[in-house]
C-alpha atoms as a PDB file:
ATOM      1  CA  MET A   1       0.222  -0.074   0.137  1.00  0.00           C
ATOM      2  CA  LYS A   2       2.922   2.166   0.859  1.00  0.00           C
ATOM      3  CA  SER A   3       4.692   1.531  -2.542  1.00  0.00           C
ATOM      4  CA  ARG A   4       1.659   2.531  -4.181  1.00  0.00           C
ATOM      5  CA  LYS A   5       1.079   5.489  -2.668  1.00  0.00           C
ATOM      6  CA  ILE A   6       4.773   6.491  -3.326  1.00  0.00           C
ATOM      7  CA  THR A   7       3.828   5.375  -7.130  1.00  0.00           C
ATOM      8  CA  TYR A   8       1.201   7.645  -7.251  1.00  0.00           C
ATOM      9  CA  PHE A   9       3.231  10.450  -5.482  1.00  0.00           C
ATOM     10  CA  LYS A  10       6.253  10.239  -8.245  1.00  0.00           C
ATOM     11  CA  TYR A  11       3.555  10.087 -11.325  1.00  0.00           C
ATOM     12  CA  LEU A  12       1.512  13.535  -9.092  1.00  0.00           C
ATOM     13  CA  CYS A  13       5.156  14.920  -9.346  1.00  0.00           C
ATOM     14  CA  LEU A  14       5.999  14.054 -12.958  1.00  0.00           C
ATOM     15  CA  PHE A  15       2.336  15.760 -13.967  1.00  0.00           C
ATOM     16  CA  PHE A  16       2.708  19.400 -12.038  1.00  0.00           C
ATOM     17  CA  ALA A  17       6.659  19.383 -13.628  1.00  0.00           C
ATOM     18  CA  MET A  18       5.276  18.649 -17.092  1.00  0.00           C
ATOM     19  CA  VAL A  19       2.255  21.310 -16.555  1.00  0.00           C
ATOM     20  CA  VAL A  20       4.807  24.065 -15.196  1.00  0.00           C
ATOM     21  CA  LEU A  21       7.177  22.919 -17.598  1.00  0.00           C
ATOM     22  CA  VAL A  22       4.606  23.958 -20.428  1.00  0.00           C
ATOM     23  CA  PHE A  23       3.506  26.859 -18.736  1.00  0.00           C
ATOM     24  CA  ILE A  24       7.325  28.315 -18.829  1.00  0.00           C
ATOM     25  CA  THR A  25       7.801  27.500 -22.467  1.00  0.00           C
ATOM     26  CA  GLY A  26       4.284  29.046 -22.994  1.00  0.00           C
ATOM     27  CA  CYS A  27       5.405  32.462 -21.463  1.00  0.00           C
ATOM     28  CA  THR A  28       8.967  32.915 -22.510  1.00  0.00           C
ATOM     29  CA  GLY A  29       8.568  31.168 -26.504  1.00  0.00           C
ATOM     30  CA  ALA A  30       9.431  33.859 -29.000  1.00  0.00           C
ATOM     31  CA  SER A  31       6.335  34.981 -31.020  1.00  0.00           C
ATOM     32  CA  PRO A  32       7.178  35.573 -34.374  1.00  0.00           C
ATOM     33  CA  THR A  33       8.324  38.629 -35.790  1.00  0.00           C
ATOM     34  CA  THR A  34       7.474  40.651 -39.065  1.00  0.00           C
ATOM     35  CA  PRO A  35      10.406  40.526 -41.520  1.00  0.00           C
ATOM     36  CA  LEU A  36      13.414  43.157 -41.110  1.00  0.00           C
ATOM     37  CA  ILE A  37      14.316  45.116 -44.369  1.00  0.00           C
ATOM     38  CA  ASN A  38      18.109  45.625 -43.701  1.00  0.00           C
ATOM     39  CA  SER A  39      18.575  48.130 -46.545  1.00  0.00           C
ATOM     40  CA  PHE A  40      16.818  49.687 -49.629  1.00  0.00           C
ATOM     41  CA  SER A  41      18.273  52.233 -51.622  1.00  0.00           C
ATOM     42  CA  ALA A  42      18.826  53.718 -55.232  1.00  0.00           C
ATOM     43  CA  SER A  43      22.278  54.776 -57.102  1.00  0.00           C
ATOM     44  CA  PRO A  44      22.497  57.576 -58.156  1.00  0.00           C
ATOM     45  CA  LEU A  45      19.465  58.880 -56.698  1.00  0.00           C
ATOM     46  CA  THR A  46      19.191  61.146 -59.439  1.00  0.00           C
ATOM     47  CA  ILE A  47      19.191  60.651 -63.017  1.00  0.00           C
ATOM     48  CA  ASN A  48      18.857  62.556 -66.422  1.00  0.00           C
ATOM     49  CA  VAL A  49      16.153  61.305 -68.824  1.00  0.00           C
ATOM     50  CA  GLY A  50      17.275  58.161 -70.723  1.00  0.00           C
ATOM     51  CA  ASP A  51      19.775  57.021 -68.026  1.00  0.00           C
ATOM     52  CA  SER A  52      19.496  54.119 -65.196  1.00  0.00           C
ATOM     53  CA  SER A  53      19.548  53.965 -61.606  1.00  0.00           C
ATOM     54  CA  VAL A  54      20.125  50.633 -59.672  1.00  0.00           C
ATOM     55  CA  LEU A  55      17.934  49.508 -56.991  1.00  0.00           C
ATOM     56  CA  SER A  56      19.561  47.740 -53.900  1.00  0.00           C
ATOM     57  CA  TRP A  57      18.049  46.070 -50.953  1.00  0.00           C
ATOM     58  CA  SER A  58      18.584  43.084 -48.387  1.00  0.00           C
ATOM     59  CA  VAL A  59      15.694  41.118 -46.298  1.00  0.00           C
ATOM     60  CA  THR A  60      15.883  38.553 -43.967  1.00  0.00           C
ATOM     61  CA  ASP A  61      12.823  36.472 -42.621  1.00  0.00           C
ATOM     62  CA  ALA A  62      10.515  37.188 -45.255  1.00  0.00           C
ATOM     63  CA  THR A  63       8.651  34.596 -47.368  1.00  0.00           C
ATOM     64  CA  SER A  64       7.669  37.249 -50.166  1.00  0.00           C
ATOM     65  CA  VAL A  65       9.263  39.956 -51.382  1.00  0.00           C
ATOM     66  CA  THR A  66       8.549  42.857 -54.515  1.00  0.00           C
ATOM     67  CA  ILE A  67       8.815  45.989 -55.645  1.00  0.00           C
ATOM     68  CA  ASP A  68       6.179  47.900 -57.083  1.00  0.00           C
ATOM     69  CA  ASN A  69       6.380  49.906 -60.720  1.00  0.00           C
ATOM     70  CA  ALA A  70       6.134  46.644 -62.437  1.00  0.00           C
ATOM     71  CA  ILE A  71       9.322  45.233 -60.809  1.00  0.00           C
ATOM     72  CA  GLY A  72       7.249  42.560 -58.723  1.00  0.00           C
ATOM     73  CA  SER A  73       8.601  39.577 -56.878  1.00  0.00           C
ATOM     74  CA  VAL A  74      12.170  39.665 -56.247  1.00  0.00           C
ATOM     75  CA  ALA A  75      14.814  37.894 -54.125  1.00  0.00           C
ATOM     76  CA  MET A  76      15.477  38.583 -50.481  1.00  0.00           C
ATOM     77  CA  THR A  77      18.642  39.999 -51.400  1.00  0.00           C
ATOM     78  CA  GLY A  78      19.500  41.583 -54.989  1.00  0.00           C
ATOM     79  CA  ALA A  79      19.937  44.496 -57.217  1.00  0.00           C
ATOM     80  CA  THR A  80      18.233  45.738 -60.602  1.00  0.00           C
ATOM     81  CA  ALA A  81      18.694  48.555 -62.935  1.00  0.00           C
ATOM     82  CA  VAL A  82      15.378  50.968 -63.459  1.00  0.00           C
ATOM     83  CA  ASN A  83      15.065  53.425 -66.207  1.00  0.00           C
ATOM     84  CA  PRO A  84      12.105  55.538 -65.077  1.00  0.00           C
ATOM     85  CA  THR A  85      11.012  58.613 -67.377  1.00  0.00           C
ATOM     86  CA  THR A  86       9.579  60.559 -64.505  1.00  0.00           C
ATOM     87  CA  THR A  87      10.774  60.924 -60.733  1.00  0.00           C
ATOM     88  CA  THR A  88       9.418  57.800 -59.434  1.00  0.00           C
ATOM     89  CA  THR A  89       9.059  56.317 -55.746  1.00  0.00           C
ATOM     90  CA  TYR A  90       9.127  52.750 -55.673  1.00  0.00           C
ATOM     91  CA  THR A  91       7.962  50.748 -52.790  1.00  0.00           C
ATOM     92  CA  LEU A  92       9.534  47.381 -51.472  1.00  0.00           C
ATOM     93  CA  THR A  93       6.987  45.091 -49.576  1.00  0.00           C
ATOM     94  CA  ALA A  94       8.219  41.859 -47.629  1.00  0.00           C
ATOM     95  CA  ILE A  95       5.580  39.805 -46.109  1.00  0.00           C
ATOM     96  CA  ASN A  96       5.641  36.896 -43.811  1.00  0.00           C
ATOM     97  CA  THR A  97       3.349  35.214 -41.379  1.00  0.00           C
ATOM     98  CA  ALA A  98       3.599  37.739 -38.725  1.00  0.00           C
ATOM     99  CA  GLY A  99       2.822  40.545 -41.023  1.00  0.00           C
ATOM    100  CA  SER A 100       4.440  43.041 -43.818  1.00  0.00           C
ATOM    101  CA  VAL A 101       6.956  46.147 -43.500  1.00  0.00           C
ATOM    102  CA  THR A 102       7.872  48.320 -46.867  1.00  0.00           C
ATOM    103  CA  ALA A 103      10.756  50.709 -47.482  1.00  0.00           C
ATOM    104  CA  THR A 104      10.518  53.021 -49.757  1.00  0.00           C
ATOM    105  CA  THR A 105      13.114  55.064 -52.038  1.00  0.00           C
ATOM    106  CA  THR A 106      12.723  57.983 -54.901  1.00  0.00           C
ATOM    107  CA  VAL A 107      14.863  58.170 -58.166  1.00  0.00           C
ATOM    108  CA  ALA A 108      14.552  61.886 -59.554  1.00  0.00           C
ATOM    109  CA  VAL A 109      14.655  62.337 -63.297  1.00  0.00           C
ATOM    110  CA  THR A 110      15.709  65.669 -64.869  1.00  0.00           C
ATOM    111  CA  TYR A 111      15.442  66.852 -68.167  1.00  0.00           C
ATOM    112  CA  VAL A 112      16.631  69.957 -70.331  1.00  0.00           C
ATOM    113  CA  LEU A 113      15.239  72.186 -72.599  1.00  0.00           C
ATOM    114  CA  LEU A 114      14.346  70.752 -76.093  1.00  0.00           C
ATOM    115  CA  ASP A 115      14.369  66.979 -74.364  1.00  0.00           C
ATOM    116  CA  ILE A 116      11.698  64.637 -75.476  1.00  0.00           C
ATOM    117  CA  GLY A 117       9.179  64.287 -72.304  1.00  0.00           C
ATOM    118  CA  PRO A 118       7.304  61.405 -71.098  1.00  0.00           C
ATOM    119  CA  ALA A 119       4.687  61.734 -73.338  1.00  0.00           C
ATOM    120  CA  GLY A 120       6.680  62.258 -76.318  1.00  0.00           C
ATOM    121  CA  GLY A 121       6.364  65.860 -76.814  1.00  0.00           C
ATOM    122  CA  TYR A 122       9.146  68.663 -76.172  1.00  0.00           C
ATOM    123  CA  ILE A 123      10.386  70.211 -72.760  1.00  0.00           C
ATOM    124  CA  PHE A 124      10.411  73.876 -73.479  1.00  0.00           C
ATOM    125  CA  TYR A 125      10.485  75.302 -69.624  1.00  0.00           C
ATOM    126  CA  ASP A 126      11.942  73.869 -66.469  1.00  0.00           C
ATOM    127  CA  LYS A 127      11.086  75.880 -63.124  1.00  0.00           C
ATOM    128  CA  GLY A 128      13.965  74.448 -61.551  1.00  0.00           C
ATOM    129  CA  SER A 129      12.208  72.461 -58.385  1.00  0.00           C
ATOM    130  CA  TYR A 130       8.680  70.776 -57.645  1.00  0.00           C
ATOM    131  CA  SER A 131       6.306  72.869 -56.235  1.00  0.00           C
ATOM    132  CA  GLY A 132       2.541  73.875 -56.913  1.00  0.00           C
ATOM    133  CA  SER A 133      -0.625  71.778 -56.364  1.00  0.00           C
ATOM    134  CA  PRO A 134      -0.314  69.311 -58.273  1.00  0.00           C
ATOM    135  CA  SER A 135       3.346  69.413 -58.082  1.00  0.00           C
ATOM    136  CA  TRP A 136       5.090  70.364 -61.022  1.00  0.00           C
ATOM    137  CA  ARG A 137       8.245  71.461 -62.801  1.00  0.00           C
ATOM    138  CA  TYR A 138       8.221  71.005 -66.588  1.00  0.00           C
ATOM    139  CA  LEU A 139       6.094  71.731 -69.210  1.00  0.00           C
ATOM    140  CA  GLU A 140       6.238  70.029 -72.151  1.00  0.00           C
ATOM    141  CA  ALA A 141       4.324  70.899 -75.514  1.00  0.00           C
ATOM    142  CA  ALA A 142       2.458  68.233 -77.548  1.00  0.00           C
ATOM    143  CA  PRO A 143       5.013  67.021 -80.480  1.00  0.00           C
ATOM    144  CA  SER A 144       2.326  67.954 -83.138  1.00  0.00           C
ATOM    145  CA  ASP A 145      -0.660  70.785 -83.403  1.00  0.00           C
ATOM    146  CA  GLN A 146      -3.989  69.419 -82.050  1.00  0.00           C
ATOM    147  CA  SER A 147      -5.957  71.605 -85.161  1.00  0.00           C
ATOM    148  CA  LEU A 148      -4.952  73.502 -88.220  1.00  0.00           C
ATOM    149  CA  LYS A 149      -7.658  76.089 -87.046  1.00  0.00           C
ATOM    150  CA  ALA A 150     -10.136  76.007 -84.290  1.00  0.00           C
ATOM    151  CA  VAL A 151     -11.918  79.303 -82.492  1.00  0.00           C
ATOM    152  CA  TRP A 152     -11.572  80.221 -78.796  1.00  0.00           C
ATOM    153  CA  GLY A 153     -14.925  79.882 -78.328  1.00  0.00           C
ATOM    154  CA  CYS A 154     -18.091  81.749 -76.917  1.00  0.00           C
ATOM    155  CA  ASP A 155     -17.677  85.038 -77.970  1.00  0.00           C
ATOM    156  CA  GLY A 156     -19.368  87.659 -76.248  1.00  0.00           C
ATOM    157  CA  ILE A 157     -19.081  85.532 -73.079  1.00  0.00           C
ATOM    158  CA  GLU A 158     -16.541  86.551 -70.287  1.00  0.00           C
ATOM    159  CA  ILE A 159     -15.574  83.453 -68.694  1.00  0.00           C
ATOM    160  CA  SER A 160     -14.572  83.901 -65.272  1.00  0.00           C
ATOM    161  CA  GLY A 161     -11.127  83.137 -64.191  1.00  0.00           C
ATOM    162  CA  ALA A 162      -9.694  82.326 -67.712  1.00  0.00           C
ATOM    163  CA  ASP A 163      -7.581  85.554 -67.721  1.00  0.00           C
ATOM    164  CA  GLY A 164      -4.284  84.100 -65.930  1.00  0.00           C
ATOM    165  CA  THR A 165      -1.207  85.142 -68.221  1.00  0.00           C
ATOM    166  CA  ALA A 166       1.724  84.011 -66.446  1.00  0.00           C
ATOM    167  CA  VAL A 167       3.449  80.753 -66.552  1.00  0.00           C
ATOM    168  CA  GLY A 168       1.364  78.234 -64.351  1.00  0.00           C
ATOM    169  CA  THR A 169      -1.857  79.527 -65.250  1.00  0.00           C
ATOM    170  CA  GLY A 170      -2.789  77.774 -68.585  1.00  0.00           C
ATOM    171  CA  GLU A 171      -3.995  74.555 -66.778  1.00  0.00           C
ATOM    172  CA  GLN A 172      -6.488  76.442 -64.661  1.00  0.00           C
ATOM    173  CA  ASN A 173      -7.536  78.843 -67.591  1.00  0.00           C
ATOM    174  CA  THR A 174      -8.501  75.623 -69.184  1.00  0.00           C
ATOM    175  CA  ILE A 175     -10.440  74.379 -66.534  1.00  0.00           C
ATOM    176  CA  ASP A 176     -12.309  77.689 -66.442  1.00  0.00           C
ATOM    177  CA  ILE A 177     -12.860  77.357 -69.855  1.00  0.00           C
ATOM    178  CA  GLU A 178     -14.253  74.228 -69.841  1.00  0.00           C
ATOM    179  CA  ALA A 179     -16.713  74.825 -66.958  1.00  0.00           C
ATOM    180  CA  GLY A 180     -18.124  78.363 -68.710  1.00  0.00           C
ATOM    181  CA  CYS A 181     -18.110  77.390 -72.321  1.00  0.00           C
ATOM    182  CA  ALA A 182     -19.953  74.481 -73.097  1.00  0.00           C
ATOM    183  CA  THR A 183     -18.948  74.768 -76.827  1.00  0.00           C
ATOM    184  CA  ALA A 184     -17.307  71.674 -78.324  1.00  0.00           C
ATOM    185  CA  GLY A 185     -13.974  71.446 -80.162  1.00  0.00           C
ATOM    186  CA  THR A 186     -13.265  74.913 -79.102  1.00  0.00           C
ATOM    187  CA  ALA A 187      -9.083  75.305 -78.649  1.00  0.00           C
ATOM    188  CA  ALA A 188      -9.402  74.644 -74.916  1.00  0.00           C
ATOM    189  CA  ASP A 189     -11.563  71.700 -75.385  1.00  0.00           C
ATOM    190  CA  LEU A 190      -9.175  69.968 -78.262  1.00  0.00           C
ATOM    191  CA  CYS A 191      -6.708  70.128 -75.269  1.00  0.00           C
ATOM    192  CA  ALA A 192      -8.923  69.479 -72.228  1.00  0.00           C
ATOM    193  CA  ASN A 193     -10.141  66.147 -73.972  1.00  0.00           C
ATOM    194  CA  LEU A 194      -6.411  65.195 -75.598  1.00  0.00           C
ATOM    195  CA  SER A 195      -5.256  61.615 -74.641  1.00  0.00           C
ATOM    196  CA  LEU A 196      -1.601  61.432 -76.097  1.00  0.00           C
ATOM    197  CA  GLY A 197       1.458  59.263 -75.194  1.00  0.00           C
ATOM    198  CA  GLY A 198      -0.488  58.059 -72.207  1.00  0.00           C
ATOM    199  CA  TYR A 199      -0.865  61.206 -71.054  1.00  0.00           C
ATOM    200  CA  ASP A 200      -4.314  63.087 -70.480  1.00  0.00           C
ATOM    201  CA  ASN A 201      -3.673  65.825 -68.389  1.00  0.00           C
ATOM    202  CA  TRP A 202      -2.833  68.058 -71.344  1.00  0.00           C
ATOM    203  CA  PHE A 203      -4.261  71.951 -71.369  1.00  0.00           C
ATOM    204  CA  LEU A 204      -4.222  75.067 -73.914  1.00  0.00           C
ATOM    205  CA  PRO A 205      -1.364  77.418 -72.864  1.00  0.00           C
ATOM    206  CA  SER A 206      -1.530  80.476 -71.178  1.00  0.00           C
ATOM    207  CA  LYS A 207      -0.023  83.955 -73.021  1.00  0.00           C
ATOM    208  CA  ASP A 208       3.069  83.617 -71.272  1.00  0.00           C
ATOM    209  CA  GLU A 209       3.478  79.534 -71.544  1.00  0.00           C
ATOM    210  CA  LEU A 210       2.660  80.268 -75.353  1.00  0.00           C
ATOM    211  CA  ASN A 211       5.535  82.570 -75.135  1.00  0.00           C
ATOM    212  CA  LEU A 212       7.731  80.332 -73.802  1.00  0.00           C
ATOM    213  CA  MET A 213       6.863  77.498 -76.408  1.00  0.00           C
ATOM    214  CA  TYR A 214       7.885  80.111 -79.329  1.00  0.00           C
ATOM    215  CA  THR A 215      11.017  81.343 -77.458  1.00  0.00           C
ATOM    216  CA  ASN A 216      12.316  77.587 -76.785  1.00  0.00           C
ATOM    217  CA  LEU A 217      10.979  75.608 -79.137  1.00  0.00           C
ATOM    218  CA  LYS A 218      10.033  77.344 -82.612  1.00  0.00           C
ATOM    219  CA  VAL A 219      12.689  79.690 -82.770  1.00  0.00           C
ATOM    220  CA  ALA A 220      15.329  76.383 -82.370  1.00  0.00           C
ATOM    221  CA  GLY A 221      13.196  75.031 -85.462  1.00  0.00           C
ATOM    222  CA  ILE A 222      11.783  71.985 -82.893  1.00  0.00           C
ATOM    223  CA  GLY A 223       8.363  71.069 -82.808  1.00  0.00           C
ATOM    224  CA  SER A 224       6.834  71.583 -86.484  1.00  0.00           C
ATOM    225  CA  PHE A 225       4.918  74.484 -85.868  1.00  0.00           C
ATOM    226  CA  ALA A 226       3.461  76.886 -88.444  1.00  0.00           C
ATOM    227  CA  ASP A 227       4.077  79.990 -89.229  1.00  0.00           C
ATOM    228  CA  SER A 228       0.873  81.328 -88.351  1.00  0.00           C
ATOM    229  CA  TYR A 229      -1.045  82.477 -84.928  1.00  0.00           C
ATOM    230  CA  TYR A 230      -1.447  80.045 -82.084  1.00  0.00           C
ATOM    231  CA  TRP A 231      -4.516  80.829 -79.780  1.00  0.00           C
ATOM    232  CA  SER A 232      -3.355  80.886 -75.750  1.00  0.00           C
ATOM    233  CA  SER A 233      -5.909  79.980 -72.787  1.00  0.00           C
ATOM    234  CA  SER A 234      -5.648  84.064 -71.799  1.00  0.00           C
ATOM    235  CA  GLU A 235      -8.698  85.480 -72.467  1.00  0.00           C
ATOM    236  CA  SER A 236      -8.448  89.386 -72.991  1.00  0.00           C
ATOM    237  CA  TYR A 237     -12.196  90.705 -72.446  1.00  0.00           C
ATOM    238  CA  ASP A 238     -15.600  89.226 -73.617  1.00  0.00           C
ATOM    239  CA  ILE A 239     -14.762  88.648 -77.372  1.00  0.00           C
ATOM    240  CA  ALA A 240     -11.341  88.441 -77.252  1.00  0.00           C
ATOM    241  CA  ALA A 241      -8.202  86.646 -76.275  1.00  0.00           C
ATOM    242  CA  TYR A 242      -4.456  86.542 -76.639  1.00  0.00           C
ATOM    243  CA  GLY A 243      -2.844  84.677 -79.541  1.00  0.00           C
ATOM    244  CA  GLN A 244       0.755  84.772 -81.135  1.00  0.00           C
ATOM    245  CA  ASN A 245       1.941  84.943 -84.409  1.00  0.00           C
ATOM    246  CA  PHE A 246       4.617  81.983 -84.623  1.00  0.00           C
ATOM    247  CA  TYR A 247       5.932  83.717 -87.880  1.00  0.00           C
ATOM    248  CA  ASN A 248       7.648  86.526 -85.845  1.00  0.00           C
ATOM    249  CA  GLY A 249       6.228  86.345 -81.662  1.00  0.00           C
ATOM    250  CA  THR A 250       4.278  88.909 -81.834  1.00  0.00           C
ATOM    251  CA  GLN A 251       1.267  88.752 -79.152  1.00  0.00           C
ATOM    252  CA  ASN A 252      -2.146  90.095 -80.029  1.00  0.00           C
ATOM    253  CA  GLY A 253      -4.859  90.572 -76.763  1.00  0.00           C
ATOM    254  CA  SER A 254      -7.559  91.330 -79.199  1.00  0.00           C
ATOM    255  CA  ALA A 255      -7.944  88.390 -81.634  1.00  0.00           C
ATOM    256  CA  GLY A 256     -11.748  87.629 -81.937  1.00  0.00           C
ATOM    257  CA  LYS A 257     -12.884  84.098 -79.849  1.00  0.00           C
ATOM    258  CA  TYR A 258     -14.371  83.698 -83.169  1.00  0.00           C
ATOM    259  CA  THR A 259     -11.281  83.743 -85.333  1.00  0.00           C
ATOM    260  CA  PRO A 260      -9.925  79.927 -86.207  1.00  0.00           C
ATOM    261  CA  LEU A 261      -6.124  79.567 -85.190  1.00  0.00           C
ATOM    262  CA  GLN A 262      -3.327  77.043 -84.714  1.00  0.00           C
ATOM    263  CA  VAL A 263      -3.626  75.211 -81.356  1.00  0.00           C
ATOM    264  CA  ARG A 264      -1.032  73.401 -79.540  1.00  0.00           C
ATOM    265  CA  ALA A 265      -1.562  71.503 -76.044  1.00  0.00           C
ATOM    266  CA  ILE A 266       0.939  71.427 -73.178  1.00  0.00           C
ATOM    267  CA  ARG A 267       1.051  69.741 -70.197  1.00  0.00           C
ATOM    268  CA  ALA A 268       2.951  70.028 -66.633  1.00  0.00           C
ATOM    269  CA  PHE A 269       4.535  67.118 -64.490  1.00  0.00           C
END
C-alpha cells in the first residue's frame, strides 16, 4: 500500500512538472516577428532622362518580397536597374506570417530644354524645382498641333477665371473655359480632351506659356510649328483672347474669339 502511494506521488509530481514546463515554455517562447528590411536604396538618386539607376535591397525573415512599378517579385537580396522617365518612388514590401513591412526610395529624373518628354513631346520650360498643387516642374508641348484651325469659343461671353497670363496659369484657364463654355471643339476643349502619349492632363497654354513655347521651341526649329497664329487660354475680354504669331513672335490680345487659329496643347509634370 505504501509502495502504491509512493508511485502515485511520483506520477503526480511528474504531471505537475510537465504542467509547469508547458507554462514556462508558453510564457517565454518567442513570438513570430515581421520581416526585417536591412536596406533599400537607389544609386544614383538623380538621373538625366534616358539614364538608369540601380535599386539594391537586403531583407531577412521574409516569405515574399516585391517591388512595385512593374518590377514584381524579387529575391531577399538583390539589385536591378530601372529607367524611369519621370521622378518615381519605388516601394519594397516584405511579407511573412507575422505581417508585412515596407520601405521606399525615390529616383529623381531631370530634363533639359528640348528633351523628349514622358508623353513624347518637347520640354520647353524648367521651373527649377517641384512646387504647386499638383506639384510640377516642367512644361511639355505636344509633338504636333491638335488642330490646324479652331476658335477660342463663346464669343461675347466673359469666362470667369480664364484671364491668367503667367506661367503656371494655363491649366486653370483651361478648366475655367471648359466650365464656362459648353461649345465643343474649341481650342481649350481640344486640349482638355486630348489623350496622347499615355497622358490626358493636357491644356491650352496661357499667354506667357505660349510665348515660352515660341521662344524655346519654334525659334530653335523644334516641334513642327506653323508660321501662323496660335491660341492661348488667356482671355483678354468677352470677345477676345491672346494669340501669338509664330512667324515673328508677336502677341495680340485682341484676337476675336470667333477667329480660327492653330492649337498646340501642353502639359505640366
